[in-house]
C-alpha atoms as a PDB file:
ATOM      1  CA  MET A   1      -0.001  -0.032   0.051  1.00  0.00           C
ATOM      2  CA  PRO A   2       1.532   3.409  -1.007  1.00  0.00           C
ATOM      3  CA  LYS A   3       2.363   5.735   1.887  1.00  0.00           C
ATOM      4  CA  VAL A   4       0.462   9.099   1.988  1.00  0.00           C
ATOM      5  CA  ALA A   5       2.472  12.139   2.914  1.00  0.00           C
ATOM      6  CA  ALA A   6       0.800  14.554   5.507  1.00  0.00           C
ATOM      7  CA  THR A   7       1.729  17.994   6.927  1.00  0.00           C
ATOM      8  CA  PHE A   8       0.606  19.144  10.329  1.00  0.00           C
ATOM      9  CA  PRO A   9      -0.106  22.952  10.636  1.00  0.00           C
ATOM     10  CA  VAL A  10       2.187  24.831  12.998  1.00  0.00           C
ATOM     11  CA  SER A  11      -0.719  25.585  15.328  1.00  0.00           C
ATOM     12  CA  LEU A  12      -1.049  21.867  16.084  1.00  0.00           C
ATOM     13  CA  VAL A  13       2.543  21.629  17.328  1.00  0.00           C
ATOM     14  CA  ALA A  14       3.311  22.817  20.780  1.00  0.00           C
ATOM     15  CA  GLN A  15       6.660  23.432  22.451  1.00  0.00           C
ATOM     16  CA  GLY A  16       8.795  20.302  22.779  1.00  0.00           C
ATOM     17  CA  GLY A  17       7.567  18.853  19.441  1.00  0.00           C
ATOM     18  CA  SER A  18       4.291  17.256  20.771  1.00  0.00           C
ATOM     19  CA  LEU A  19       1.102  17.202  18.791  1.00  0.00           C
ATOM     20  CA  GLN A  20      -2.099  18.617  20.290  1.00  0.00           C
ATOM     21  CA  ALA A  21      -5.296  17.379  18.737  1.00  0.00           C
ATOM     22  CA  GLY A  22      -8.835  16.640  19.834  1.00  0.00           C
ATOM     23  CA  SER A  23      -9.055  13.467  17.565  1.00  0.00           C
ATOM     24  CA  ALA A  24      -7.102  11.639  15.074  1.00  0.00           C
ATOM     25  CA  GLN A  25      -8.523  10.093  11.846  1.00  0.00           C
ATOM     26  CA  ILE A  26      -6.008   7.440  10.844  1.00  0.00           C
ATOM     27  CA  THR A  27      -6.524   5.026   7.925  1.00  0.00           C
ATOM     28  CA  GLY A  28      -3.426   2.890   8.663  1.00  0.00           C
ATOM     29  CA  ILE A  29      -0.340   2.945  10.748  1.00  0.00           C
ATOM     30  CA  GLU A  30       2.577   1.075   9.035  1.00  0.00           C
ATOM     31  CA  THR A  31       5.641   1.908  11.193  1.00  0.00           C
ATOM     32  CA  ALA A  32       6.324   2.427  14.841  1.00  0.00           C
ATOM     33  CA  SER A  33       8.573   5.491  14.217  1.00  0.00           C
ATOM     34  CA  ILE A  34       7.989   9.299  13.694  1.00  0.00           C
ATOM     35  CA  THR A  35       9.740  11.152  10.805  1.00  0.00           C
ATOM     36  CA  SER A  36      11.089  14.387  12.251  1.00  0.00           C
ATOM     37  CA  GLU A  37      13.215  15.282   9.191  1.00  0.00           C
ATOM     38  CA  PRO A  38      13.503  13.799   5.659  1.00  0.00           C
ATOM     39  CA  ASN A  39      15.088  10.340   5.804  1.00  0.00           C
ATOM     40  CA  GLN A  40      15.652  10.600   9.577  1.00  0.00           C
ATOM     41  CA  ASN A  41      13.587   8.691  12.107  1.00  0.00           C
ATOM     42  CA  ALA A  42      12.933   9.424  15.781  1.00  0.00           C
ATOM     43  CA  THR A  43      11.563   6.786  18.185  1.00  0.00           C
ATOM     44  CA  ALA A  44       8.317   7.516  19.840  1.00  0.00           C
ATOM     45  CA  GLN A  45       8.126   6.611  23.551  1.00  0.00           C
ATOM     46  CA  LEU A  46       4.578   6.914  24.880  1.00  0.00           C
ATOM     47  CA  THR A  47       3.773   7.213  28.488  1.00  0.00           C
ATOM     48  CA  THR A  48       0.146   8.347  28.223  1.00  0.00           C
ATOM     49  CA  VAL A  49      -2.109   8.578  25.155  1.00  0.00           C
ATOM     50  CA  THR A  50      -5.068  10.756  25.753  1.00  0.00           C
ATOM     51  CA  ALA A  51      -7.757  11.172  23.016  1.00  0.00           C
ATOM     52  CA  THR A  52     -11.427  11.700  22.810  1.00  0.00           C
ATOM     53  CA  THR A  53     -11.791   9.260  19.930  1.00  0.00           C
ATOM     54  CA  VAL A  54      -9.305   6.966  18.134  1.00  0.00           C
ATOM     55  CA  ASN A  55     -10.506   6.005  14.717  1.00  0.00           C
ATOM     56  CA  ALA A  56      -8.221   3.441  12.892  1.00  0.00           C
ATOM     57  CA  THR A  57      -9.006   0.952  10.346  1.00  0.00           C
ATOM     58  CA  THR A  58      -5.781  -0.959  10.914  1.00  0.00           C
ATOM     59  CA  VAL A  59      -3.244  -0.545  13.659  1.00  0.00           C
ATOM     60  CA  ALA A  60      -0.117  -2.431  12.575  1.00  0.00           C
ATOM     61  CA  ALA A  61       2.488  -1.595  15.165  1.00  0.00           C
ATOM     62  CA  THR A  62       4.868  -4.341  16.337  1.00  0.00           C
ATOM     63  CA  THR A  63       4.529  -3.240  20.014  1.00  0.00           C
ATOM     64  CA  VAL A  64       1.927  -1.120  21.707  1.00  0.00           C
ATOM     65  CA  GLY A  65       3.773  -0.084  24.801  1.00  0.00           C
ATOM     66  CA  ALA A  66       1.872   2.884  26.274  1.00  0.00           C
ATOM     67  CA  THR A  67       1.597   2.719  30.130  1.00  0.00           C
ATOM     68  CA  THR A  68      -1.795   4.345  29.994  1.00  0.00           C
ATOM     69  CA  VAL A  69      -4.199   4.674  27.139  1.00  0.00           C
ATOM     70  CA  ASN A  70      -7.021   7.244  28.057  1.00  0.00           C
ATOM     71  CA  ALA A  71      -9.630   7.006  25.246  1.00  0.00           C
ATOM     72  CA  PRO A  72     -13.415   6.818  25.952  1.00  0.00           C
ATOM     73  CA  THR A  73     -13.941   5.266  22.510  1.00  0.00           C
ATOM     74  CA  VAL A  74     -11.384   3.173  20.415  1.00  0.00           C
ATOM     75  CA  ASN A  75     -12.848   2.391  17.037  1.00  0.00           C
ATOM     76  CA  THR A  76     -10.653   0.016  15.136  1.00  0.00           C
ATOM     77  CA  THR A  77     -11.360  -2.860  12.692  1.00  0.00           C
ATOM     78  CA  THR A  78      -8.134  -4.641  13.062  1.00  0.00           C
ATOM     79  CA  VAL A  79      -5.282  -4.539  15.672  1.00  0.00           C
ATOM     80  CA  ASN A  80      -2.149  -6.209  14.508  1.00  0.00           C
ATOM     81  CA  ALA A  81       0.226  -5.980  17.508  1.00  0.00           C
ATOM     82  CA  THR A  82       2.784  -8.476  18.522  1.00  0.00           C
ATOM     83  CA  THR A  83       2.802  -7.221  22.196  1.00  0.00           C
ATOM     84  CA  VAL A  84       0.048  -5.099  23.904  1.00  0.00           C
ATOM     85  CA  ASN A  85       0.931  -3.945  27.290  1.00  0.00           C
ATOM     86  CA  ALA A  86      -2.314  -3.229  28.944  1.00  0.00           C
ATOM     87  CA  ASN A  87      -2.213  -4.268  32.621  1.00  0.00           C
ATOM     88  CA  GLY A  88      -5.079  -1.878  33.342  1.00  0.00           C
ATOM     89  CA  ALA A  89      -7.504  -4.358  31.795  1.00  0.00           C
ATOM     90  CA  ILE A  90      -7.334  -6.342  35.166  1.00  0.00           C
ATOM     91  CA  PRO A  91      -7.331  -4.528  38.464  1.00  0.00           C
ATOM     92  CA  VAL A  92      -4.747  -4.887  41.115  1.00  0.00           C
ATOM     93  CA  GLY A  93      -5.912  -7.949  43.160  1.00  0.00           C
ATOM     94  CA  GLY A  94      -7.415  -9.528  40.153  1.00  0.00           C
ATOM     95  CA  ILE A  95      -7.016 -13.452  39.733  1.00  0.00           C
ATOM     96  CA  VAL A  96      -6.386 -15.153  36.457  1.00  0.00           C
ATOM     97  CA  PRO A  97      -5.707 -18.897  35.646  1.00  0.00           C
ATOM     98  CA  TYR A  98      -2.257 -19.351  34.099  1.00  0.00           C
ATOM     99  CA  ALA A  99      -1.616 -22.291  31.744  1.00  0.00           C
ATOM    100  CA  GLY A 100       2.209 -21.951  31.541  1.00  0.00           C
ATOM    101  CA  PRO A 101       4.880 -23.376  33.898  1.00  0.00           C
ATOM    102  CA  VAL A 102       6.070 -21.282  36.832  1.00  0.00           C
ATOM    103  CA  ASN A 103       9.656 -22.432  36.916  1.00  0.00           C
ATOM    104  CA  GLY A 104      10.617 -19.410  34.885  1.00  0.00           C
ATOM    105  CA  PRO A 105       9.792 -15.678  35.027  1.00  0.00           C
ATOM    106  CA  LEU A 106       6.216 -14.815  35.392  1.00  0.00           C
ATOM    107  CA  PRO A 107       4.539 -11.929  33.664  1.00  0.00           C
ATOM    108  CA  ASN A 108       5.650  -8.556  35.011  1.00  0.00           C
ATOM    109  CA  GLY A 109       3.664  -7.469  37.974  1.00  0.00           C
ATOM    110  CA  TRP A 110       2.116 -10.831  38.700  1.00  0.00           C
ATOM    111  CA  PHE A 111       2.590 -13.269  41.549  1.00  0.00           C
ATOM    112  CA  LEU A 112       1.715 -17.029  41.938  1.00  0.00           C
ATOM    113  CA  CYS A 113      -1.024 -17.586  44.448  1.00  0.00           C
ATOM    114  CA  ASP A 114       1.034 -19.776  46.800  1.00  0.00           C
ATOM    115  CA  GLY A 115       0.762 -18.044  50.166  1.00  0.00           C
ATOM    116  CA  SER A 116       4.195 -16.434  49.821  1.00  0.00           C
ATOM    117  CA  ALA A 117       4.940 -13.251  51.963  1.00  0.00           C
ATOM    118  CA  VAL A 118       5.799  -9.997  49.973  1.00  0.00           C
ATOM    119  CA  SER A 119       6.692  -6.471  50.888  1.00  0.00           C
ATOM    120  CA  ARG A 120       3.901  -4.158  52.040  1.00  0.00           C
ATOM    121  CA  THR A 121       5.702  -1.068  50.734  1.00  0.00           C
ATOM    122  CA  GLN A 122       6.905  -2.406  47.428  1.00  0.00           C
ATOM    123  CA  TYR A 123       3.487  -3.895  46.569  1.00  0.00           C
ATOM    124  CA  ALA A 124       1.416  -1.186  48.510  1.00  0.00           C
ATOM    125  CA  ALA A 125      -1.314  -1.258  45.812  1.00  0.00           C
ATOM    126  CA  LEU A 126      -2.039  -4.964  46.363  1.00  0.00           C
ATOM    127  CA  PHE A 127      -1.680  -4.534  50.177  1.00  0.00           C
ATOM    128  CA  ASN A 128      -4.383  -1.849  50.074  1.00  0.00           C
ATOM    129  CA  VAL A 129      -6.683  -4.393  48.262  1.00  0.00           C
ATOM    130  CA  ILE A 130      -6.199  -7.689  50.302  1.00  0.00           C
ATOM    131  CA  ASN A 131      -4.329  -6.329  53.402  1.00  0.00           C
ATOM    132  CA  THR A 132      -3.776  -9.267  55.774  1.00  0.00           C
ATOM    133  CA  LEU A 133      -6.828 -11.334  54.706  1.00  0.00           C
ATOM    134  CA  TYR A 134      -4.492 -14.157  53.628  1.00  0.00           C
ATOM    135  CA  GLY A 135      -1.802 -13.745  56.285  1.00  0.00           C
ATOM    136  CA  THR A 136       0.069 -11.165  58.224  1.00  0.00           C
ATOM    137  CA  GLY A 137       3.507 -12.037  56.966  1.00  0.00           C
ATOM    138  CA  ASP A 138       6.159 -10.957  59.524  1.00  0.00           C
ATOM    139  CA  ASN A 139       3.509  -8.658  61.208  1.00  0.00           C
ATOM    140  CA  SER A 140       5.304  -5.523  60.208  1.00  0.00           C
ATOM    141  CA  THR A 141       6.866  -5.354  56.713  1.00  0.00           C
ATOM    142  CA  THR A 142       5.270  -8.239  54.691  1.00  0.00           C
ATOM    143  CA  PHE A 143       1.870  -9.737  53.966  1.00  0.00           C
ATOM    144  CA  ASN A 144       0.732 -13.079  52.512  1.00  0.00           C
ATOM    145  CA  LEU A 145      -0.537 -13.794  49.149  1.00  0.00           C
ATOM    146  CA  PRO A 146      -3.588 -15.955  48.626  1.00  0.00           C
ATOM    147  CA  ASP A 147      -2.797 -19.679  48.638  1.00  0.00           C
ATOM    148  CA  TYR A 148      -4.981 -21.333  45.924  1.00  0.00           C
ATOM    149  CA  ARG A 149      -3.029 -24.442  45.371  1.00  0.00           C
ATOM    150  CA  GLY A 150      -5.267 -27.390  44.887  1.00  0.00           C
ATOM    151  CA  MET A 151      -8.360 -25.281  45.534  1.00  0.00           C
ATOM    152  CA  PHE A 152     -11.489 -24.598  43.575  1.00  0.00           C
ATOM    153  CA  LEU A 153     -12.695 -20.909  43.855  1.00  0.00           C
ATOM    154  CA  ARG A 154     -16.208 -20.032  44.843  1.00  0.00           C
ATOM    155  CA  GLY A 155     -18.098 -16.809  44.592  1.00  0.00           C
ATOM    156  CA  VAL A 156     -19.062 -15.120  47.942  1.00  0.00           C
ATOM    157  CA  SER A 157     -22.674 -15.850  48.596  1.00  0.00           C
ATOM    158  CA  ALA A 158     -23.323 -12.241  49.850  1.00  0.00           C
ATOM    159  CA  GLY A 159     -26.578 -13.038  51.545  1.00  0.00           C
ATOM    160  CA  THR A 160     -28.006 -15.199  48.791  1.00  0.00           C
ATOM    161  CA  ASN A 161     -28.279 -18.315  50.970  1.00  0.00           C
ATOM    162  CA  LEU A 162     -26.388 -20.242  48.291  1.00  0.00           C
ATOM    163  CA  ASP A 163     -23.733 -21.202  50.830  1.00  0.00           C
ATOM    164  CA  LEU A 164     -25.775 -22.667  53.688  1.00  0.00           C
ATOM    165  CA  ASP A 165     -22.682 -23.586  55.684  1.00  0.00           C
ATOM    166  CA  PHE A 166     -20.950 -20.174  55.567  1.00  0.00           C
ATOM    167  CA  GLU A 167     -20.777 -19.967  59.411  1.00  0.00           C
ATOM    168  CA  GLY A 168     -18.374 -22.946  59.259  1.00  0.00           C
ATOM    169  CA  ARG A 169     -15.896 -21.084  57.036  1.00  0.00           C
ATOM    170  CA  THR A 170     -12.351 -20.563  58.483  1.00  0.00           C
ATOM    171  CA  ALA A 171      -9.274 -18.398  57.809  1.00  0.00           C
ATOM    172  CA  GLN A 172      -6.601 -19.673  55.461  1.00  0.00           C
ATOM    173  CA  ASN A 173      -3.969 -21.307  57.905  1.00  0.00           C
ATOM    174  CA  ASN A 174      -1.535 -23.373  55.854  1.00  0.00           C
ATOM    175  CA  GLY A 175       2.122 -23.676  56.545  1.00  0.00           C
ATOM    176  CA  ASN A 176       3.474 -20.303  57.669  1.00  0.00           C
ATOM    177  CA  ASN A 177       0.398 -18.535  56.514  1.00  0.00           C
ATOM    178  CA  THR A 178      -1.230 -17.488  59.772  1.00  0.00           C
ATOM    179  CA  GLY A 179      -3.771 -14.959  58.516  1.00  0.00           C
ATOM    180  CA  THR A 180      -6.930 -13.975  60.158  1.00  0.00           C
ATOM    181  CA  ALA A 181      -9.433 -13.410  57.340  1.00  0.00           C
ATOM    182  CA  ASN A 182     -11.678 -11.421  59.641  1.00  0.00           C
ATOM    183  CA  PRO A 183     -12.820 -13.926  62.165  1.00  0.00           C
ATOM    184  CA  ASN A 184     -15.985 -11.908  62.874  1.00  0.00           C
ATOM    185  CA  ASN A 185     -17.154 -12.350  59.412  1.00  0.00           C
ATOM    186  CA  ASN A 186     -17.072 -16.072  58.464  1.00  0.00           C
ATOM    187  CA  ASN A 187     -18.465 -15.205  55.030  1.00  0.00           C
ATOM    188  CA  GLY A 188     -15.439 -13.070  54.342  1.00  0.00           C
ATOM    189  CA  ILE A 189     -13.254 -13.187  51.241  1.00  0.00           C
ATOM    190  CA  GLY A 190     -10.382 -15.642  51.648  1.00  0.00           C
ATOM    191  CA  THR A 191     -12.117 -18.020  54.050  1.00  0.00           C
ATOM    192  CA  ARG A 192     -12.023 -21.826  53.414  1.00  0.00           C
ATOM    193  CA  GLN A 193     -14.476 -24.681  53.674  1.00  0.00           C
ATOM    194  CA  ALA A 194     -13.648 -28.286  54.258  1.00  0.00           C
ATOM    195  CA  ASP A 195     -15.015 -30.880  51.810  1.00  0.00           C
ATOM    196  CA  GLN A 196     -18.193 -32.831  52.665  1.00  0.00           C
ATOM    197  CA  PHE A 197     -21.175 -34.692  51.345  1.00  0.00           C
ATOM    198  CA  ALA A 198     -24.614 -33.181  51.508  1.00  0.00           C
ATOM    199  CA  SER A 199     -26.995 -35.008  53.846  1.00  0.00           C
ATOM    200  CA  HIS A 200     -28.752 -37.927  52.016  1.00  0.00           C
ATOM    201  CA  THR A 201     -30.204 -41.384  52.347  1.00  0.00           C
ATOM    202  CA  HIS A 202     -29.988 -44.716  50.522  1.00  0.00           C
ATOM    203  CA  THR A 203     -32.618 -47.449  50.102  1.00  0.00           C
ATOM    204  CA  TYR A 204     -31.877 -51.023  50.820  1.00  0.00           C
ATOM    205  CA  TRP A 205     -33.689 -54.432  51.151  1.00  0.00           C
ATOM    206  CA  GLN A 206     -34.835 -55.342  54.665  1.00  0.00           C
ATOM    207  CA  SER A 207     -34.548 -58.986  55.680  1.00  0.00           C
ATOM    208  CA  VAL A 208     -37.916 -60.791  56.247  1.00  0.00           C
ATOM    209  CA  TYR A 209     -38.801 -64.056  57.821  1.00  0.00           C
ATOM    210  CA  VAL A 210     -42.040 -66.144  58.390  1.00  0.00           C
ATOM    211  CA  ASN A 211     -43.605 -66.449  61.791  1.00  0.00           C
ATOM    212  CA  SER A 212     -44.846 -69.761  62.985  1.00  0.00           C
ATOM    213  CA  ASP A 213     -48.360 -68.713  62.238  1.00  0.00           C
ATOM    214  CA  GLY A 214     -47.552 -68.240  58.590  1.00  0.00           C
ATOM    215  CA  ASN A 215     -47.634 -64.435  58.423  1.00  0.00           C
ATOM    216  CA  TRP A 216     -44.815 -62.485  56.932  1.00  0.00           C
ATOM    217  CA  SER A 217     -42.984 -59.987  59.170  1.00  0.00           C
ATOM    218  CA  GLY A 218     -40.014 -57.746  58.718  1.00  0.00           C
ATOM    219  CA  GLY A 219     -37.076 -57.640  61.012  1.00  0.00           C
ATOM    220  CA  ASP A 220     -33.396 -58.492  61.670  1.00  0.00           C
ATOM    221  CA  TRP A 221     -32.019 -61.703  63.149  1.00  0.00           C
ATOM    222  CA  ASN A 222     -30.350 -60.702  66.508  1.00  0.00           C
ATOM    223  CA  ASN A 223     -30.657 -57.118  65.521  1.00  0.00           C
ATOM    224  CA  ALA A 224     -27.219 -57.234  63.692  1.00  0.00           C
ATOM    225  CA  LEU A 225     -25.994 -53.970  62.187  1.00  0.00           C
ATOM    226  CA  GLU A 226     -24.605 -54.379  58.793  1.00  0.00           C
ATOM    227  CA  GLN A 227     -22.587 -52.070  56.580  1.00  0.00           C
ATOM    228  CA  THR A 228     -21.795 -52.122  52.860  1.00  0.00           C
ATOM    229  CA  GLN A 229     -18.255 -52.391  51.666  1.00  0.00           C
ATOM    230  CA  PRO A 230     -16.549 -49.057  50.762  1.00  0.00           C
ATOM    231  CA  THR A 231     -16.173 -48.294  47.169  1.00  0.00           C
ATOM    232  CA  GLY A 232     -15.130 -45.186  45.153  1.00  0.00           C
ATOM    233  CA  GLY A 233     -12.032 -43.002  45.150  1.00  0.00           C
ATOM    234  CA  SER A 234     -10.107 -40.882  47.721  1.00  0.00           C
ATOM    235  CA  GLU A 235     -12.122 -37.600  47.169  1.00  0.00           C
ATOM    236  CA  THR A 236     -15.249 -36.264  45.577  1.00  0.00           C
ATOM    237  CA  ARG A 237     -14.557 -34.043  42.536  1.00  0.00           C
ATOM    238  CA  PRO A 238     -15.714 -32.953  39.100  1.00  0.00           C
ATOM    239  CA  LYS A 239     -13.632 -33.362  35.982  1.00  0.00           C
ATOM    240  CA  ASN A 240     -10.784 -30.856  36.181  1.00  0.00           C
ATOM    241  CA  VAL A 241      -7.681 -29.568  34.606  1.00  0.00           C
ATOM    242  CA  TYR A 242      -4.635 -28.273  36.390  1.00  0.00           C
ATOM    243  CA  VAL A 243      -3.679 -24.589  36.134  1.00  0.00           C
ATOM    244  CA  TYR A 244      -1.863 -22.074  38.324  1.00  0.00           C
ATOM    245  CA  TYR A 245      -3.654 -18.973  39.714  1.00  0.00           C
ATOM    246  CA  LEU A 246      -1.861 -15.687  39.366  1.00  0.00           C
ATOM    247  CA  ILE A 247      -2.669 -12.372  41.204  1.00  0.00           C
ATOM    248  CA  ARG A 248      -1.941  -8.974  39.778  1.00  0.00           C
ATOM    249  CA  ALA A 249       0.233  -7.107  42.224  1.00  0.00           C
ATOM    250  CA  GLU A 250       0.968  -3.786  40.531  1.00  0.00           C
END
């Protein structure tokens, strides 16, 4: 596709070489550089992109690396980007399943939900969200991350009566994680429940015998109590797939 030359009026260029415009009508972006002089390129490093409306048919940048993109409306047919850095899509404290291994570097700003203790000051944003719900760390400089290893996550019932045993919920307390999870609110975020079966009954055949007068009667010989043989596995579970849970920290 041929490139189209364009000239910006001087009134649109502020001191320092930045462009001031209410909106940008862009048919296509083919390169990630800005031409400041003929045959001379200058790299564009964006910290914040602020626009009322961004209208683009195709955005074909190799990397979209803006820290913050402030645009009420982004109208684009196709976004061809190898890397899009947009942590703002998930809030600090958000949880996501992660399908990759964790024996290497994790995505920047994310932690494995394994109950580890991390700094309260370095990760102040996360500390402001979960505080010591999952553990007090060393009681002064650190706090514990959630420990979701081997756990199914459940939505807080929030008064819907969908968790009839919420009063039996307890704080996370595994290993060195000695968190409190608000003991006065057993329906609180971060509390756990033990596994159990719902109350139920089974039908069975009762033994019968004939009395001397020929009438049928039910009963047990010698009132013996019998039990069935155990069968099944070591736990009750649905079909499942292993993943790691990550939490956004910054």
